[in-house]
PDB file of N, CA and C in Angstrom:
ATOM      1  N   UNK A   1     -54.851  83.002  71.890  1.00  0.00           N
ATOM      2  CA  UNK A   1     -53.566  82.541  72.620  1.00  0.00           C
ATOM      3  C   UNK A   1     -54.055  81.759  73.613  1.00  0.00           C
ATOM      4  N   UNK A   2     -55.089  81.576  73.979  1.00  0.00           N
ATOM      5  CA  UNK A   2     -55.668  80.629  75.113  1.00  0.00           C
ATOM      6  C   UNK A   2     -55.749  79.357  74.449  1.00  0.00           C
ATOM      7  N   UNK A   3     -56.144  79.077  73.305  1.00  0.00           N
ATOM      8  CA  UNK A   3     -56.037  77.813  72.659  1.00  0.00           C
ATOM      9  C   UNK A   3     -54.592  77.404  72.536  1.00  0.00           C
ATOM     10  N   UNK A   4     -53.434  78.126  72.245  1.00  0.00           N
ATOM     11  CA  UNK A   4     -52.233  77.662  72.006  1.00  0.00           C
ATOM     12  C   UNK A   4     -51.657  77.179  73.357  1.00  0.00           C
ATOM     13  N   UNK A   5     -52.071  77.947  74.314  1.00  0.00           N
ATOM     14  CA  UNK A   5     -51.681  77.683  75.746  1.00  0.00           C
ATOM     15  C   UNK A   5     -52.260  76.336  76.270  1.00  0.00           C
ATOM     16  N   UNK A   6     -53.458  76.365  76.115  1.00  0.00           N
ATOM     17  CA  UNK A   6     -54.154  75.043  76.287  1.00  0.00           C
ATOM     18  C   UNK A   6     -53.324  73.851  75.818  1.00  0.00           C
ATOM     19  N   UNK A   7     -53.137  73.937  74.304  1.00  0.00           N
ATOM     20  CA  UNK A   7     -52.508  72.776  73.661  1.00  0.00           C
ATOM     21  C   UNK A   7     -51.248  72.494  74.068  1.00  0.00           C
ATOM     22  N   UNK A   8     -50.365  73.385  74.329  1.00  0.00           N
ATOM     23  CA  UNK A   8     -49.300  73.490  75.030  1.00  0.00           C
ATOM     24  C   UNK A   8     -49.188  72.782  76.401  1.00  0.00           C
ATOM     25  N   UNK A   9     -49.984  73.118  77.155  1.00  0.00           N
ATOM     26  CA  UNK A   9     -50.236  72.558  78.613  1.00  0.00           C
ATOM     27  C   UNK A   9     -50.478  71.223  78.370  1.00  0.00           C
ATOM     28  N   UNK A  10     -51.417  70.594  77.574  1.00  0.00           N
ATOM     29  CA  UNK A  10     -51.569  69.441  77.285  1.00  0.00           C
ATOM     30  C   UNK A  10     -50.580  68.408  77.043  1.00  0.00           C
ATOM     31  N   UNK A  11     -49.987  69.031  76.242  1.00  0.00           N
ATOM     32  CA  UNK A  11     -48.578  68.457  75.573  1.00  0.00           C
ATOM     33  C   UNK A  11     -47.686  68.224  76.542  1.00  0.00           C
ATOM     34  N   UNK A  12     -47.239  69.287  77.539  1.00  0.00           N
ATOM     35  CA  UNK A  12     -46.491  69.196  78.438  1.00  0.00           C
ATOM     36  C   UNK A  12     -46.677  68.491  79.550  1.00  0.00           C
ATOM     37  N   UNK A  13     -48.232  68.449  80.018  1.00  0.00           N
ATOM     38  CA  UNK A  13     -48.423  67.681  80.910  1.00  0.00           C
ATOM     39  C   UNK A  13     -48.538  66.331  80.587  1.00  0.00           C
ATOM     40  N   UNK A  14     -48.771  65.946  79.424  1.00  0.00           N
ATOM     41  CA  UNK A  14     -48.895  64.647  79.047  1.00  0.00           C
ATOM     42  C   UNK A  14     -47.522  64.029  78.906  1.00  0.00           C
ATOM     43  N   UNK A  15     -46.444  64.655  78.489  1.00  0.00           N
ATOM     44  CA  UNK A  15     -44.992  64.453  78.319  1.00  0.00           C
ATOM     45  C   UNK A  15     -44.552  64.108  79.966  1.00  0.00           C
ATOM     46  N   UNK A  16     -44.828  65.089  80.901  1.00  0.00           N
ATOM     47  CA  UNK A  16     -44.269  64.957  81.883  1.00  0.00           C
ATOM     48  C   UNK A  16     -45.209  63.925  82.811  1.00  0.00           C
ATOM     49  N   UNK A  17     -46.208  63.707  82.694  1.00  0.00           N
ATOM     50  CA  UNK A  17     -46.989  62.292  83.369  1.00  0.00           C
ATOM     51  C   UNK A  17     -46.374  60.965  82.639  1.00  0.00           C
ATOM     52  N   UNK A  18     -46.134  60.944  81.401  1.00  0.00           N
ATOM     53  CA  UNK A  18     -45.389  59.768  80.700  1.00  0.00           C
ATOM     54  C   UNK A  18     -44.281  59.575  81.232  1.00  0.00           C
ATOM     55  N   UNK A  19     -43.448  60.835  81.307  1.00  0.00           N
ATOM     56  CA  UNK A  19     -41.888  60.572  81.902  1.00  0.00           C
ATOM     57  C   UNK A  19     -41.975  60.152  83.140  1.00  0.00           C
ATOM     58  N   UNK A  20     -42.897  60.521  84.217  1.00  0.00           N
ATOM     59  CA  UNK A  20     -42.941  60.224  85.627  1.00  0.00           C
ATOM     60  C   UNK A  20     -43.188  58.925  85.578  1.00  0.00           C
ATOM     61  N   UNK A  21     -44.365  58.356  84.903  1.00  0.00           N
ATOM     62  CA  UNK A  21     -44.689  57.008  84.981  1.00  0.00           C
ATOM     63  C   UNK A  21     -43.604  55.909  84.537  1.00  0.00           C
ATOM     64  N   UNK A  22     -42.962  56.350  83.389  1.00  0.00           N
ATOM     65  CA  UNK A  22     -41.771  55.479  83.046  1.00  0.00           C
ATOM     66  C   UNK A  22     -40.495  55.619  83.944  1.00  0.00           C
ATOM     67  N   UNK A  23     -40.414  56.878  84.732  1.00  0.00           N
ATOM     68  CA  UNK A  23     -39.082  56.620  85.520  1.00  0.00           C
ATOM     69  C   UNK A  23     -39.425  56.037  86.869  1.00  0.00           C
ATOM     70  N   UNK A  24     -40.596  55.903  87.308  1.00  0.00           N
ATOM     71  CA  UNK A  24     -41.200  55.297  88.702  1.00  0.00           C
ATOM     72  C   UNK A  24     -41.534  53.921  88.493  1.00  0.00           C
ATOM     73  N   UNK A  25     -41.440  53.262  87.217  1.00  0.00           N
ATOM     74  CA  UNK A  25     -41.854  51.863  86.955  1.00  0.00           C
ATOM     75  C   UNK A  25     -40.717  51.320  86.895  1.00  0.00           C
ATOM     76  N   UNK A  26     -40.530  50.074  87.685  1.00  0.00           N
ATOM     77  CA  UNK A  26     -39.341  49.363  87.865  1.00  0.00           C
ATOM     78  C   UNK A  26     -39.041  48.452  86.480  1.00  0.00           C
ATOM     79  N   UNK A  27     -38.248  48.997  85.557  1.00  0.00           N
ATOM     80  CA  UNK A  27     -38.120  48.187  84.457  1.00  0.00           C
ATOM     81  C   UNK A  27     -36.438  48.393  84.154  1.00  0.00           C
ATOM     82  N   UNK A  28     -35.917  47.653  83.180  1.00  0.00           N
ATOM     83  CA  UNK A  28     -34.354  47.566  82.935  1.00  0.00           C
ATOM     84  C   UNK A  28     -34.120  48.817  82.038  1.00  0.00           C
ATOM     85  N   UNK A  29     -32.912  49.206  82.079  1.00  0.00           N
ATOM     86  CA  UNK A  29     -32.737  50.377  81.219  1.00  0.00           C
ATOM     87  C   UNK A  29     -32.994  50.391  79.972  1.00  0.00           C
ATOM     88  N   UNK A  30     -32.703  48.945  79.322  1.00  0.00           N
ATOM     89  CA  UNK A  30     -33.037  48.938  77.918  1.00  0.00           C
ATOM     90  C   UNK A  30     -34.532  48.889  77.527  1.00  0.00           C
ATOM     91  N   UNK A  31     -35.408  48.185  78.406  1.00  0.00           N
ATOM     92  CA  UNK A  31     -36.855  48.633  78.167  1.00  0.00           C
ATOM     93  C   UNK A  31     -37.119  50.017  78.425  1.00  0.00           C
ATOM     94  N   UNK A  32     -36.509  50.618  79.418  1.00  0.00           N
ATOM     95  CA  UNK A  32     -37.027  51.853  79.941  1.00  0.00           C
ATOM     96  C   UNK A  32     -36.682  52.994  78.578  1.00  0.00           C
ATOM     97  N   UNK A  33     -35.541  52.626  77.798  1.00  0.00           N
ATOM     98  CA  UNK A  33     -35.255  53.451  76.536  1.00  0.00           C
ATOM     99  C   UNK A  33     -36.347  53.292  75.619  1.00  0.00           C
ATOM    100  N   UNK A  34     -36.650  51.945  75.351  1.00  0.00           N
ATOM    101  CA  UNK A  34     -37.517  51.661  74.208  1.00  0.00           C
ATOM    102  C   UNK A  34     -38.811  52.269  74.519  1.00  0.00           C
ATOM    103  N   UNK A  35     -39.141  52.349  75.642  1.00  0.00           N
ATOM    104  CA  UNK A  35     -40.523  52.785  76.239  1.00  0.00           C
ATOM    105  C   UNK A  35     -40.645  54.289  76.161  1.00  0.00           C
ATOM    106  N   UNK A  36     -39.490  54.903  76.591  1.00  0.00           N
ATOM    107  CA  UNK A  36     -39.357  56.333  76.269  1.00  0.00           C
ATOM    108  C   UNK A  36     -39.330  56.729  74.592  1.00  0.00           C
ATOM    109  N   UNK A  37     -38.744  56.094  73.850  1.00  0.00           N
ATOM    110  CA  UNK A  37     -38.729  56.340  72.373  1.00  0.00           C
ATOM    111  C   UNK A  37     -39.995  55.889  71.753  1.00  0.00           C
ATOM    112  N   UNK A  38     -40.825  54.708  72.366  1.00  0.00           N
ATOM    113  CA  UNK A  38     -42.274  54.424  71.952  1.00  0.00           C
ATOM    114  C   UNK A  38     -43.045  55.805  72.279  1.00  0.00           C
ATOM    115  N   UNK A  39     -43.126  56.102  73.610  1.00  0.00           N
ATOM    116  CA  UNK A  39     -43.852  57.111  74.053  1.00  0.00           C
ATOM    117  C   UNK A  39     -43.565  58.460  73.392  1.00  0.00           C
ATOM    118  N   UNK A  40     -42.276  58.697  73.145  1.00  0.00           N
ATOM    119  CA  UNK A  40     -41.796  60.004  72.289  1.00  0.00           C
ATOM    120  C   UNK A  40     -42.618  60.192  70.847  1.00  0.00           C
ATOM    121  N   UNK A  41     -42.447  58.801  70.278  1.00  0.00           N
ATOM    122  CA  UNK A  41     -43.251  58.885  69.050  1.00  0.00           C
ATOM    123  C   UNK A  41     -44.672  59.096  69.194  1.00  0.00           C
ATOM    124  N   UNK A  42     -45.263  58.414  69.802  1.00  0.00           N
ATOM    125  CA  UNK A  42     -46.716  58.421  70.119  1.00  0.00           C
ATOM    126  C   UNK A  42     -46.951  59.989  70.344  1.00  0.00           C
ATOM    127  N   UNK A  43     -46.309  60.665  71.428  1.00  0.00           N
ATOM    128  CA  UNK A  43     -46.638  61.845  71.628  1.00  0.00           C
ATOM    129  C   UNK A  43     -46.336  62.955  70.496  1.00  0.00           C
ATOM    130  N   UNK A  44     -45.277  62.595  69.816  1.00  0.00           N
ATOM    131  CA  UNK A  44     -45.008  63.328  68.546  1.00  0.00           C
ATOM    132  C   UNK A  44     -46.224  63.258  67.448  1.00  0.00           C
ATOM    133  N   UNK A  45     -46.616  62.147  67.487  1.00  0.00           N
ATOM    134  CA  UNK A  45     -47.588  61.816  66.348  1.00  0.00           C
ATOM    135  C   UNK A  45     -48.906  62.384  66.845  1.00  0.00           C
ATOM    136  N   UNK A  46     -49.346  62.369  68.013  1.00  0.00           N
ATOM    137  CA  UNK A  46     -50.451  63.302  68.507  1.00  0.00           C
ATOM    138  C   UNK A  46     -50.317  64.580  68.511  1.00  0.00           C
ATOM    139  N   UNK A  47     -49.179  65.052  68.700  1.00  0.00           N
ATOM    140  CA  UNK A  47     -48.821  66.495  68.493  1.00  0.00           C
ATOM    141  C   UNK A  47     -48.955  66.982  66.953  1.00  0.00           C
ATOM    142  N   UNK A  48     -48.581  66.231  66.223  1.00  0.00           N
ATOM    143  CA  UNK A  48     -48.864  66.511  64.843  1.00  0.00           C
ATOM    144  C   UNK A  48     -50.325  66.438  64.361  1.00  0.00           C
ATOM    145  N   UNK A  49     -50.893  65.348  65.023  1.00  0.00           N
ATOM    146  CA  UNK A  49     -52.490  65.365  64.792  1.00  0.00           C
ATOM    147  C   UNK A  49     -52.884  66.525  65.150  1.00  0.00           C
ATOM    148  N   UNK A  50     -52.828  66.967  66.529  1.00  0.00           N
ATOM    149  CA  UNK A  50     -53.411  68.232  67.099  1.00  0.00           C
ATOM    150  C   UNK A  50     -53.187  69.486  66.121  1.00  0.00           C
ATOM    151  N   UNK A  51     -51.725  69.528  65.599  1.00  0.00           N
ATOM    152  CA  UNK A  51     -51.458  70.499  64.807  1.00  0.00           C
ATOM    153  C   UNK A  51     -52.323  70.708  63.401  1.00  0.00           C
ATOM    154  N   UNK A  52     -52.312  69.509  63.033  1.00  0.00           N
ATOM    155  CA  UNK A  52     -53.221  69.282  61.759  1.00  0.00           C
ATOM    156  C   UNK A  52     -54.619  69.598  61.875  1.00  0.00           C
ATOM    157  N   UNK A  53     -55.290  69.259  63.106  1.00  0.00           N
ATOM    158  CA  UNK A  53     -56.567  69.523  63.248  1.00  0.00           C
ATOM    159  C   UNK A  53     -56.817  71.084  63.331  1.00  0.00           C
ATOM    160  N   UNK A  54     -55.718  71.695  64.230  1.00  0.00           N
ATOM    161  CA  UNK A  54     -55.954  73.211  64.465  1.00  0.00           C
ATOM    162  C   UNK A  54     -55.875  73.631  63.142  1.00  0.00           C
ATOM    163  N   UNK A  55     -54.819  73.332  62.082  1.00  0.00           N
ATOM    164  CA  UNK A  55     -54.902  74.105  60.931  1.00  0.00           C
ATOM    165  C   UNK A  55     -56.193  73.900  59.915  1.00  0.00           C
ATOM    166  N   UNK A  56     -56.696  72.484  60.080  1.00  0.00           N
ATOM    167  CA  UNK A  56     -57.968  72.463  59.488  1.00  0.00           C
ATOM    168  C   UNK A  56     -59.212  73.269  59.976  1.00  0.00           C
ATOM    169  N   UNK A  57     -59.200  73.420  61.187  1.00  0.00           N
ATOM    170  CA  UNK A  57     -60.101  74.172  61.885  1.00  0.00           C
ATOM    171  C   UNK A  57     -60.080  75.730  61.578  1.00  0.00           C
ATOM    172  N   UNK A  58     -58.770  76.284  61.264  1.00  0.00           N
ATOM    173  CA  UNK A  58     -58.655  77.581  61.054  1.00  0.00           C
ATOM    174  C   UNK A  58     -59.155  77.658  59.655  1.00  0.00           C
ATOM    175  N   UNK A  59     -58.787  76.805  58.646  1.00  0.00           N
ATOM    176  CA  UNK A  59     -59.066  76.892  57.372  1.00  0.00           C
ATOM    177  C   UNK A  59     -60.769  76.850  57.173  1.00  0.00           C
ATOM    178  N   UNK A  60     -61.237  75.995  57.934  1.00  0.00           N
ATOM    179  CA  UNK A  60     -62.594  75.982  58.084  1.00  0.00           C
ATOM    180  C   UNK A  60     -63.256  77.260  58.357  1.00  0.00           C
ATOM    181  N   UNK A  61     -62.723  77.687  59.307  1.00  0.00           N
ATOM    182  CA  UNK A  61     -63.329  78.941  59.923  1.00  0.00           C
ATOM    183  C   UNK A  61     -63.180  80.280  58.970  1.00  0.00           C
ATOM    184  N   UNK A  62     -62.040  80.123  58.423  1.00  0.00           N
ATOM    185  CA  UNK A  62     -61.684  81.271  57.261  1.00  0.00           C
ATOM    186  C   UNK A  62     -62.612  80.948  56.191  1.00  0.00           C
ATOM    187  N   UNK A  63     -62.798  79.874  55.812  1.00  0.00           N
ATOM    188  CA  UNK A  63     -63.703  79.529  54.563  1.00  0.00           C
ATOM    189  C   UNK A  63     -65.211  80.140  55.014  1.00  0.00           C
ATOM    190  N   UNK A  64     -65.751  79.716  56.169  1.00  0.00           N
ATOM    191  CA  UNK A  64     -67.013  80.054  56.628  1.00  0.00           C
ATOM    192  C   UNK A  64     -67.075  81.592  56.618  1.00  0.00           C
ATOM    193  N   UNK A  65     -66.045  82.210  57.191  1.00  0.00           N
ATOM    194  CA  UNK A  65     -65.950  83.641  57.342  1.00  0.00           C
ATOM    195  C   UNK A  65     -66.088  84.100  55.674  1.00  0.00           C
ATOM    196  N   UNK A  66     -65.426  83.782  54.834  1.00  0.00           N
ATOM    197  CA  UNK A  66     -65.519  84.303  53.564  1.00  0.00           C
ATOM    198  C   UNK A  66     -66.814  83.880  52.998  1.00  0.00           C
ATOM    199  N   UNK A  67     -67.391  82.840  53.214  1.00  0.00           N
ATOM    200  CA  UNK A  67     -68.833  82.532  52.749  1.00  0.00           C
ATOM    201  C   UNK A  67     -69.746  83.500  53.106  1.00  0.00           C
ATOM    202  N   UNK A  68     -69.656  83.634  54.459  1.00  0.00           N
ATOM    203  CA  UNK A  68     -70.598  84.630  55.258  1.00  0.00           C
ATOM    204  C   UNK A  68     -70.657  85.900  54.804  1.00  0.00           C
ATOM    205  N   UNK A  69     -69.387  86.369  54.553  1.00  0.00           N
ATOM    206  CA  UNK A  69     -69.038  87.956  53.764  1.00  0.00           C
ATOM    207  C   UNK A  69     -69.895  87.851  52.575  1.00  0.00           C
ATOM    208  N   UNK A  70     -69.618  86.685  51.716  1.00  0.00           N
ATOM    209  CA  UNK A  70     -70.229  86.810  50.178  1.00  0.00           C
ATOM    210  C   UNK A  70     -71.796  86.625  50.470  1.00  0.00           C
ATOM    211  N   UNK A  71     -72.224  85.774  51.333  1.00  0.00           N
ATOM    212  CA  UNK A  71     -73.823  85.699  51.346  1.00  0.00           C
ATOM    213  C   UNK A  71     -74.183  87.157  52.072  1.00  0.00           C
ATOM    214  N   UNK A  72     -73.729  87.685  53.006  1.00  0.00           N
ATOM    215  CA  UNK A  72     -74.021  88.863  53.329  1.00  0.00           C
ATOM    216  C   UNK A  72     -74.037  90.128  52.270  1.00  0.00           C
ATOM    217  N   UNK A  73     -72.965  90.001  51.393  1.00  0.00           N
ATOM    218  CA  UNK A  73     -72.902  90.864  50.455  1.00  0.00           C
ATOM    219  C   UNK A  73     -74.149  90.716  49.518  1.00  0.00           C
ATOM    220  N   UNK A  74     -74.418  89.482  49.094  1.00  0.00           N
ATOM    221  CA  UNK A  74     -75.446  89.079  48.178  1.00  0.00           C
ATOM    222  C   UNK A  74     -76.951  89.580  48.611  1.00  0.00           C
ATOM    223  N   UNK A  75     -76.894  89.295  49.994  1.00  0.00           N
ATOM    224  CA  UNK A  75     -78.309  89.651  50.669  1.00  0.00           C
ATOM    225  C   UNK A  75     -78.242  91.176  50.646  1.00  0.00           C
ATOM    226  N   UNK A  76     -77.226  91.755  50.959  1.00  0.00           N
ATOM    227  CA  UNK A  76     -77.478  93.538  51.247  1.00  0.00           C
ATOM    228  C   UNK A  76     -77.840  93.895  49.797  1.00  0.00           C
ATOM    229  N   UNK A  77     -77.138  93.369  48.843  1.00  0.00           N
ATOM    230  CA  UNK A  77     -77.258  93.603  47.280  1.00  0.00           C
ATOM    231  C   UNK A  77     -78.753  93.333  47.147  1.00  0.00           C
ATOM    232  N   UNK A  78     -79.426  92.193  47.187  1.00  0.00           N
ATOM    233  CA  UNK A  78     -80.766  91.823  47.048  1.00  0.00           C
ATOM    234  C   UNK A  78     -81.746  92.734  47.727  1.00  0.00           C
ATOM    235  N   UNK A  79     -81.435  93.204  48.834  1.00  0.00           N
ATOM    236  CA  UNK A  79     -82.647  93.869  49.702  1.00  0.00           C
ATOM    237  C   UNK A  79     -82.472  95.219  49.062  1.00  0.00           C
ATOM    238  N   UNK A  80     -81.180  95.902  48.750  1.00  0.00           N
ATOM    239  CA  UNK A  80     -81.229  97.277  48.115  1.00  0.00           C
ATOM    240  C   UNK A  80     -82.193  97.156  46.740  1.00  0.00           C
ATOM    241  N   UNK A  81     -81.817  96.252  46.074  1.00  0.00           N
ATOM    242  CA  UNK A  81     -82.697  96.111  44.911  1.00  0.00           C
ATOM    243  C   UNK A  81     -84.137  96.068  44.978  1.00  0.00           C
ATOM    244  N   UNK A  82     -84.636  95.491  45.844  1.00  0.00           N
ATOM    245  CA  UNK A  82     -85.716  95.087  46.277  1.00  0.00           C
ATOM    246  C   UNK A  82     -86.505  96.377  46.678  1.00  0.00           C
ATOM    247  N   UNK A  83     -85.641  97.048  47.605  1.00  0.00           N
ATOM    248  CA  UNK A  83     -86.269  98.548  48.115  1.00  0.00           C
ATOM    249  C   UNK A  83     -86.275  99.427  47.096  1.00  0.00           C
ATOM    250  N   UNK A  84     -85.304  99.457  46.041  1.00  0.00           N
ATOM    251  CA  UNK A  84     -85.452 100.348  44.801  1.00  0.00           C
ATOM    252  C   UNK A  84     -86.644 100.095  44.089  1.00  0.00           C
ATOM    253  N   UNK A  85     -86.844  98.595  43.850  1.00  0.00           N
ATOM    254  CA  UNK A  85     -88.030  98.493  43.272  1.00  0.00           C
ATOM    255  C   UNK A  85     -89.508  98.802  43.677  1.00  0.00           C
ATOM    256  N   UNK A  86     -89.212  98.700  44.941  1.00  0.00           N
ATOM    257  CA  UNK A  86     -90.511  99.178  45.935  1.00  0.00           C
ATOM    258  C   UNK A  86     -90.635 100.455  45.641  1.00  0.00           C
ATOM    259  N   UNK A  87     -89.691 101.250  45.859  1.00  0.00           N
ATOM    260  CA  UNK A  87     -89.815 102.654  45.666  1.00  0.00           C
ATOM    261  C   UNK A  87     -90.378 103.329  44.324  1.00  0.00           C
ATOM    262  N   UNK A  88     -89.843 102.545  43.380  1.00  0.00           N
ATOM    263  CA  UNK A  88     -90.260 102.784  41.982  1.00  0.00           C
ATOM    264  C   UNK A  88     -91.737 102.327  41.778  1.00  0.00           C
ATOM    265  N   UNK A  89     -92.288 101.238  42.307  1.00  0.00           N
ATOM    266  CA  UNK A  89     -93.714 101.005  42.207  1.00  0.00           C
ATOM    267  C   UNK A  89     -94.413 101.701  42.970  1.00  0.00           C
ATOM    268  N   UNK A  90     -94.041 102.275  44.282  1.00  0.00           N
ATOM    269  CA  UNK A  90     -94.856 103.225  44.980  1.00  0.00           C
ATOM    270  C   UNK A  90     -94.824 104.623  44.165  1.00  0.00           C
ATOM    271  N   UNK A  91     -93.584 105.008  43.475  1.00  0.00           N
ATOM    272  CA  UNK A  91     -93.651 106.210  42.856  1.00  0.00           C
ATOM    273  C   UNK A  91     -94.571 106.417  41.982  1.00  0.00           C
ATOM    274  N   UNK A  92     -94.673 105.295  40.907  1.00  0.00           N
ATOM    275  CA  UNK A  92     -95.472 105.317  40.087  1.00  0.00           C
ATOM    276  C   UNK A  92     -97.029 105.242  40.533  1.00  0.00           C
ATOM    277  N   UNK A  93     -97.301 104.631  41.377  1.00  0.00           N
ATOM    278  CA  UNK A  93     -98.698 104.542  41.734  1.00  0.00           C
ATOM    279  C   UNK A  93     -99.152 105.982  42.367  1.00  0.00           C
ATOM    280  N   UNK A  94     -98.191 106.384  43.350  1.00  0.00           N
ATOM    281  CA  UNK A  94     -98.527 107.784  44.003  1.00  0.00           C
ATOM    282  C   UNK A  94     -98.677 108.884  42.843  1.00  0.00           C
ATOM    283  N   UNK A  95     -97.765 108.698  41.600  1.00  0.00           N
ATOM    284  CA  UNK A  95     -98.101 109.705  40.804  1.00  0.00           C
ATOM    285  C   UNK A  95     -99.458 109.714  39.799  1.00  0.00           C
ATOM    286  N   UNK A  96     -99.695 108.236  39.942  1.00  0.00           N
ATOM    287  CA  UNK A  96    -101.283 108.048  39.211  1.00  0.00           C
ATOM    288  C   UNK A  96    -102.145 108.361  40.111  1.00  0.00           C
ATOM    289  N   UNK A  97    -102.041 108.164  41.460  1.00  0.00           N
ATOM    290  CA  UNK A  97    -103.165 108.508  42.410  1.00  0.00           C
ATOM    291  C   UNK A  97    -103.386 110.038  42.162  1.00  0.00           C
ATOM    292  N   UNK A  98    -102.141 110.843  42.268  1.00  0.00           N
ATOM    293  CA  UNK A  98    -102.241 112.303  42.395  1.00  0.00           C
ATOM    294  C   UNK A  98    -103.030 112.864  41.123  1.00  0.00           C
ATOM    295  N   UNK A  99    -102.693 112.099  39.992  1.00  0.00           N
ATOM    296  CA  UNK A  99    -103.476 112.748  38.682  1.00  0.00           C
ATOM    297  C   UNK A  99    -104.707 112.244  38.821  1.00  0.00           C
ATOM    298  N   UNK A 100    -105.151 111.200  39.447  1.00  0.00           N
ATOM    299  CA  UNK A 100    -106.760 110.886  39.569  1.00  0.00           C
ATOM    300  C   UNK A 100    -107.292 111.868  40.606  1.00  0.00           C
ATOM    301  N   UNK A 101    -106.743 112.281  41.634  1.00  0.00           N
ATOM    302  CA  UNK A 101    -107.196 113.143  42.634  1.00  0.00           C
ATOM    303  C   UNK A 101    -107.158 114.502  42.001  1.00  0.00           C
ATOM    304  N   UNK A 102    -106.333 114.931  41.329  1.00  0.00           N
ATOM    305  CA  UNK A 102    -106.536 116.134  40.358  1.00  0.00           C
ATOM    306  C   UNK A 102    -107.723 116.391  39.338  1.00  0.00           C
ATOM    307  N   UNK A 103    -107.875 115.053  38.750  1.00  0.00           N
ATOM    308  CA  UNK A 103    -108.966 115.045  37.765  1.00  0.00           C
ATOM    309  C   UNK A 103    -110.175 114.948  38.562  1.00  0.00           C
ATOM    310  N   UNK A 104    -110.397 114.380  39.740  1.00  0.00           N
ATOM    311  CA  UNK A 104    -111.634 114.517  40.569  1.00  0.00           C
ATOM    312  C   UNK A 104    -111.975 115.917  41.026  1.00  0.00           C
ATOM    313  N   UNK A 105    -110.961 116.455  41.453  1.00  0.00           N
ATOM    314  CA  UNK A 105    -110.904 117.853  41.867  1.00  0.00           C
ATOM    315  C   UNK A 105    -111.327 118.670  40.790  1.00  0.00           C
ATOM    316  N   UNK A 106    -110.910 118.482  39.646  1.00  0.00           N
ATOM    317  CA  UNK A 106    -111.247 119.237  38.338  1.00  0.00           C
ATOM    318  C   UNK A 106    -112.694 119.063  38.171  1.00  0.00           C
ATOM    319  N   UNK A 107    -112.977 117.984  38.259  1.00  0.00           N
ATOM    320  CA  UNK A 107    -114.369 117.333  37.687  1.00  0.00           C
ATOM    321  C   UNK A 107    -115.421 118.132  38.851  1.00  0.00           C
ATOM    322  N   UNK A 108    -115.034 118.151  40.192  1.00  0.00           N
ATOM    323  CA  UNK A 108    -115.833 118.799  41.004  1.00  0.00           C
ATOM    324  C   UNK A 108    -115.944 120.188  40.862  1.00  0.00           C
ATOM    325  N   UNK A 109    -114.764 120.773  40.633  1.00  0.00           N
ATOM    326  CA  UNK A 109    -114.732 122.274  40.276  1.00  0.00           C
ATOM    327  C   UNK A 109    -115.600 122.621  38.940  1.00  0.00           C
ATOM    328  N   UNK A 110    -115.501 121.830  37.919  1.00  0.00           N
ATOM    329  CA  UNK A 110    -116.526 122.104  36.785  1.00  0.00           C
ATOM    330  C   UNK A 110    -117.957 121.868  37.504  1.00  0.00           C
ATOM    331  N   UNK A 111    -118.149 120.884  38.077  1.00  0.00           N
ATOM    332  CA  UNK A 111    -119.644 120.794  38.489  1.00  0.00           C
ATOM    333  C   UNK A 111    -120.114 121.798  39.306  1.00  0.00           C
ATOM    334  N   UNK A 112    -119.326 122.302  40.234  1.00  0.00           N
ATOM    335  CA  UNK A 112    -119.759 123.583  40.866  1.00  0.00           C
ATOM    336  C   UNK A 112    -119.790 124.680  40.252  1.00  0.00           C
ATOM    337  N   UNK A 113    -119.009 125.001  39.090  1.00  0.00           N
ATOM    338  CA  UNK A 113    -119.190 126.138  38.302  1.00  0.00           C
ATOM    339  C   UNK A 113    -120.542 126.019  37.434  1.00  0.00           C
ATOM    340  N   UNK A 114    -120.890 124.785  37.003  1.00  0.00           N
ATOM    341  CA  UNK A 114    -122.146 124.543  36.528  1.00  0.00           C
ATOM    342  C   UNK A 114    -123.386 124.927  37.345  1.00  0.00           C
ATOM    343  N   UNK A 115    -123.203 124.464  38.480  1.00  0.00           N
ATOM    344  CA  UNK A 115    -124.330 124.799  39.274  1.00  0.00           C
ATOM    345  C   UNK A 115    -124.417 126.071  39.597  1.00  0.00           C
ATOM    346  N   UNK A 116    -123.355 126.946  39.623  1.00  0.00           N
ATOM    347  CA  UNK A 116    -123.552 128.377  40.029  1.00  0.00           C
ATOM    348  C   UNK A 116    -124.081 128.774  38.725  1.00  0.00           C
ATOM    349  N   UNK A 117    -123.406 128.664  37.715  1.00  0.00           N
ATOM    350  CA  UNK A 117    -124.092 129.091  36.378  1.00  0.00           C
ATOM    351  C   UNK A 117    -125.490 129.219  36.116  1.00  0.00           C
ATOM    352  N   UNK A 118    -126.109 127.765  36.540  1.00  0.00           N
ATOM    353  CA  UNK A 118    -127.512 127.552  36.235  1.00  0.00           C
ATOM    354  C   UNK A 118    -128.368 128.156  37.478  1.00  0.00           C
ATOM    355  N   UNK A 119    -127.666 128.316  38.577  1.00  0.00           N
ATOM    356  CA  UNK A 119    -128.607 128.924  39.762  1.00  0.00           C
ATOM    357  C   UNK A 119    -128.690 130.439  39.985  1.00  0.00           C
TER     358      UNK A 119
END
């Protein structure tokens, strides 16, 4: 809303300034009408250019927002997959470590049993 107000203020201020300058300048009526017509055409062209630029800016922001959402979605998916793969890798390693620890404990228990039987 502030942008619209600013643009409208620029346009109204420009038109008012141009009108004031034209009306206070000593020229003939025919020249004055010609200057007003030329000035009006220039201001209309400028207003259309500003409108076109605003539309282009809006489209650029919209496209950037869409691209940002797509990139964020892809990144979130990639992170999720990476975390799941990491958890699977750790899970298999953890199971292997637990098996090895159990084998070591079993071996120690057997050795203790052998020492008790011989002793």
